[in-house]
Amino acid sequence: MAKHYRTYSSEFKKQVVADIDTGAVTISEAARQHEISRSLIERWRAQIHGGTFRERPSFREKHLERELEKAQAKIGQLTLIIDALKKIRKSSASTKELNGCVVTGENWASESKRGAK
């Protein structure tokens, strides 16, 4: 059976340490209140006061960042496709103007004036 470790947010850790530092609660009271060990709280205090405390993104933040990266990649792909289609459309429009394969009333009138047979 695998162990399930509890995780605590950076805000929670800072709040517990701040409560202890202000004297609102003792380390022992905070440990009982939140059902965590004294040594863990002492480690948090040492990290925060020693400047080695690192704020890590939460699981949700990591998940949202991955989704954002995927969306940005998809937007990039779609932008390339749109640009390619615009170029194709522009080149095909200019080709149609040059070839004049489609007979319309305007083509017919201009050709009949020039005497085309």
C-alpha atoms as a PDB file:
ATOM      1  CA  MET A   1       0.000   0.000   0.000  1.00  0.00           C
ATOM      2  CA  ALA A   2       1.451   3.357  -1.058  1.00  0.00           C
ATOM      3  CA  LYS A   3       1.821   6.211   1.377  1.00  0.00           C
ATOM      4  CA  HIS A   4      -0.231   9.292   0.703  1.00  0.00           C
ATOM      5  CA  TYR A   5       1.638  12.424   1.633  1.00  0.00           C
ATOM      6  CA  ARG A   6      -0.289  15.561   2.421  1.00  0.00           C
ATOM      7  CA  THR A   7       0.784  18.693   0.648  1.00  0.00           C
ATOM      8  CA  TYR A   8       0.445  22.204   1.967  1.00  0.00           C
ATOM      9  CA  SER A   9       0.296  25.417   0.016  1.00  0.00           C
ATOM     10  CA  SER A  10       2.941  28.077   0.430  1.00  0.00           C
ATOM     11  CA  GLU A  11       0.321  30.429   1.827  1.00  0.00           C
ATOM     12  CA  PHE A  12      -0.644  27.900   4.501  1.00  0.00           C
ATOM     13  CA  LYS A  13       2.979  27.392   5.529  1.00  0.00           C
ATOM     14  CA  LYS A  14       3.585  31.137   5.735  1.00  0.00           C
ATOM     15  CA  GLN A  15       0.397  31.650   7.734  1.00  0.00           C
ATOM     16  CA  VAL A  16       1.318  28.958  10.277  1.00  0.00           C
ATOM     17  CA  VAL A  17       4.809  30.432  10.704  1.00  0.00           C
ATOM     18  CA  ALA A  18       3.388  33.964  10.944  1.00  0.00           C
ATOM     19  CA  ASP A  19       0.942  32.845  13.664  1.00  0.00           C
ATOM     20  CA  ILE A  20       3.830  31.344  15.621  1.00  0.00           C
ATOM     21  CA  ASP A  21       6.064  34.390  15.107  1.00  0.00           C
ATOM     22  CA  THR A  22       3.384  36.817  16.283  1.00  0.00           C
ATOM     23  CA  GLY A  23       2.807  34.700  19.379  1.00  0.00           C
ATOM     24  CA  ALA A  24      -0.799  33.837  18.539  1.00  0.00           C
ATOM     25  CA  VAL A  25       0.021  30.149  19.001  1.00  0.00           C
ATOM     26  CA  THR A  26       2.998  28.071  20.025  1.00  0.00           C
ATOM     27  CA  ILE A  27       4.634  25.491  17.793  1.00  0.00           C
ATOM     28  CA  SER A  28       3.013  22.699  19.804  1.00  0.00           C
ATOM     29  CA  GLU A  29      -0.439  24.291  19.579  1.00  0.00           C
ATOM     30  CA  ALA A  30      -0.093  24.822  15.813  1.00  0.00           C
ATOM     31  CA  ALA A  31       1.044  21.219  15.382  1.00  0.00           C
ATOM     32  CA  ARG A  32      -1.990  19.896  17.299  1.00  0.00           C
ATOM     33  CA  GLN A  33      -4.388  22.310  15.649  1.00  0.00           C
ATOM     34  CA  HIS A  34      -3.345  21.387  12.087  1.00  0.00           C
ATOM     35  CA  GLU A  35      -2.396  17.766  12.863  1.00  0.00           C
ATOM     36  CA  ILE A  36       1.175  18.092  11.629  1.00  0.00           C
ATOM     37  CA  SER A  37       4.466  17.381  13.369  1.00  0.00           C
ATOM     38  CA  ARG A  38       6.475  19.948  15.294  1.00  0.00           C
ATOM     39  CA  SER A  39       9.564  19.121  13.270  1.00  0.00           C
ATOM     40  CA  LEU A  40       7.765  19.957  10.037  1.00  0.00           C
ATOM     41  CA  ILE A  41       6.720  23.343  11.371  1.00  0.00           C
ATOM     42  CA  GLU A  42      10.249  23.976  12.630  1.00  0.00           C
ATOM     43  CA  ARG A  43      11.609  23.097   9.194  1.00  0.00           C
ATOM     44  CA  TRP A  44       9.188  25.572   7.585  1.00  0.00           C
ATOM     45  CA  ARG A  45      10.272  28.271  10.060  1.00  0.00           C
ATOM     46  CA  ALA A  46      13.954  27.613   9.375  1.00  0.00           C
ATOM     47  CA  GLN A  47      13.380  27.766   5.619  1.00  0.00           C
ATOM     48  CA  ILE A  48      11.318  30.953   5.756  1.00  0.00           C
ATOM     49  CA  HIS A  49      13.639  32.758   8.169  1.00  0.00           C
ATOM     50  CA  GLY A  50      16.772  31.416   6.487  1.00  0.00           C
ATOM     51  CA  GLY A  51      15.674  32.534   3.018  1.00  0.00           C
ATOM     52  CA  THR A  52      15.720  29.018   1.561  1.00  0.00           C
ATOM     53  CA  PHE A  53      11.933  28.692   1.318  1.00  0.00           C
ATOM     54  CA  ARG A  54      10.903  28.035  -2.273  1.00  0.00           C
ATOM     55  CA  GLU A  55       7.383  28.574  -3.460  1.00  0.00           C
ATOM     56  CA  ARG A  56       6.462  25.795  -5.825  1.00  0.00           C
ATOM     57  CA  PRO A  57       3.501  25.983  -8.131  1.00  0.00           C
ATOM     58  CA  SER A  58       0.545  23.896  -7.065  1.00  0.00           C
ATOM     59  CA  PHE A  59      -0.678  20.909  -9.063  1.00  0.00           C
ATOM     60  CA  ARG A  60      -3.511  23.036 -10.457  1.00  0.00           C
ATOM     61  CA  GLU A  61      -1.095  25.773 -11.533  1.00  0.00           C
ATOM     62  CA  LYS A  62       1.132  23.229 -13.270  1.00  0.00           C
ATOM     63  CA  HIS A  63      -1.890  21.729 -15.020  1.00  0.00           C
ATOM     64  CA  LEU A  64      -3.101  25.152 -16.185  1.00  0.00           C
ATOM     65  CA  GLU A  65       0.376  26.038 -17.473  1.00  0.00           C
ATOM     66  CA  ARG A  66       0.472  22.833 -19.524  1.00  0.00           C
ATOM     67  CA  GLU A  67      -2.972  23.612 -20.961  1.00  0.00           C
ATOM     68  CA  LEU A  68      -1.844  27.149 -21.804  1.00  0.00           C
ATOM     69  CA  GLU A  69       1.242  25.852 -23.623  1.00  0.00           C
ATOM     70  CA  LYS A  70      -0.893  23.414 -25.634  1.00  0.00           C
ATOM     71  CA  ALA A  71      -3.348  26.172 -26.541  1.00  0.00           C
ATOM     72  CA  GLN A  72      -0.546  28.510 -27.609  1.00  0.00           C
ATOM     73  CA  ALA A  73       0.980  25.769 -29.775  1.00  0.00           C
ATOM     74  CA  LYS A  74      -2.420  25.137 -31.399  1.00  0.00           C
ATOM     75  CA  ILE A  75      -2.893  28.863 -32.029  1.00  0.00           C
ATOM     76  CA  GLY A  76       0.526  28.956 -33.702  1.00  0.00           C
ATOM     77  CA  GLN A  77      -0.377  26.033 -35.948  1.00  0.00           C
ATOM     78  CA  LEU A  78      -3.706  27.567 -36.903  1.00  0.00           C
ATOM     79  CA  THR A  79      -2.055  30.920 -37.631  1.00  0.00           C
ATOM     80  CA  LEU A  80       0.366  29.223 -40.032  1.00  0.00           C
ATOM     81  CA  ILE A  81      -2.504  27.425 -41.765  1.00  0.00           C
ATOM     82  CA  ILE A  82      -4.508  30.647 -42.108  1.00  0.00           C
ATOM     83  CA  ASP A  83      -1.502  32.485 -43.545  1.00  0.00           C
ATOM     84  CA  ALA A  84      -0.903  29.679 -46.057  1.00  0.00           C
ATOM     85  CA  LEU A  85      -4.566  29.685 -47.106  1.00  0.00           C
ATOM     86  CA  LYS A  86      -4.491  33.455 -47.575  1.00  0.00           C
ATOM     87  CA  LYS A  87      -1.440  33.137 -49.842  1.00  0.00           C
ATOM     88  CA  ILE A  88      -3.092  30.365 -51.843  1.00  0.00           C
ATOM     89  CA  ARG A  89      -6.279  32.391 -52.173  1.00  0.00           C
ATOM     90  CA  LYS A  90      -4.349  35.463 -53.286  1.00  0.00           C
ATOM     91  CA  SER A  91      -2.282  33.554 -55.841  1.00  0.00           C
ATOM     92  CA  SER A  92      -5.304  31.686 -57.205  1.00  0.00           C
ATOM     93  CA  ALA A  93      -7.231  34.950 -57.564  1.00  0.00           C
ATOM     94  CA  SER A  94      -4.402  36.522 -59.554  1.00  0.00           C
ATOM     95  CA  THR A  95      -4.104  33.356 -61.675  1.00  0.00           C
ATOM     96  CA  LYS A  96      -7.803  33.434 -62.488  1.00  0.00           C
ATOM     97  CA  GLU A  97      -7.505  37.066 -63.555  1.00  0.00           C
ATOM     98  CA  LEU A  98      -4.635  36.210 -65.889  1.00  0.00           C
ATOM     99  CA  ASN A  99      -6.191  33.107 -67.429  1.00  0.00           C
ATOM    100  CA  GLY A 100      -9.698  34.480 -67.841  1.00  0.00           C
ATOM    101  CA  CYS A 101     -11.079  30.978 -68.232  1.00  0.00           C
ATOM    102  CA  VAL A 102     -14.446  31.827 -66.770  1.00  0.00           C
ATOM    103  CA  VAL A 103     -16.815  33.435 -69.233  1.00  0.00           C
ATOM    104  CA  THR A 104     -18.909  36.174 -67.706  1.00  0.00           C
ATOM    105  CA  GLY A 105     -20.932  38.962 -69.188  1.00  0.00           C
ATOM    106  CA  GLU A 106     -17.996  41.335 -68.817  1.00  0.00           C
ATOM    107  CA  ASN A 107     -15.525  38.937 -70.516  1.00  0.00           C
ATOM    108  CA  TRP A 108     -17.940  38.226 -73.297  1.00  0.00           C
ATOM    109  CA  ALA A 109     -18.586  41.912 -73.992  1.00  0.00           C
ATOM    110  CA  SER A 110     -14.893  42.813 -74.012  1.00  0.00           C
ATOM    111  CA  GLU A 111     -13.987  39.862 -76.258  1.00  0.00           C
ATOM    112  CA  SER A 112     -16.806  40.564 -78.696  1.00  0.00           C
ATOM    113  CA  LYS A 113     -15.661  44.193 -78.991  1.00  0.00           C
ATOM    114  CA  ARG A 114     -12.140  43.075 -79.897  1.00  0.00           C
ATOM    115  CA  GLY A 115     -13.510  40.773 -82.533  1.00  0.00           C
ATOM    116  CA  ALA A 116     -12.579  37.436 -80.996  1.00  0.00           C
ATOM    117  CA  LYS A 117     -13.993  34.408 -82.691  1.00  0.00           C
END
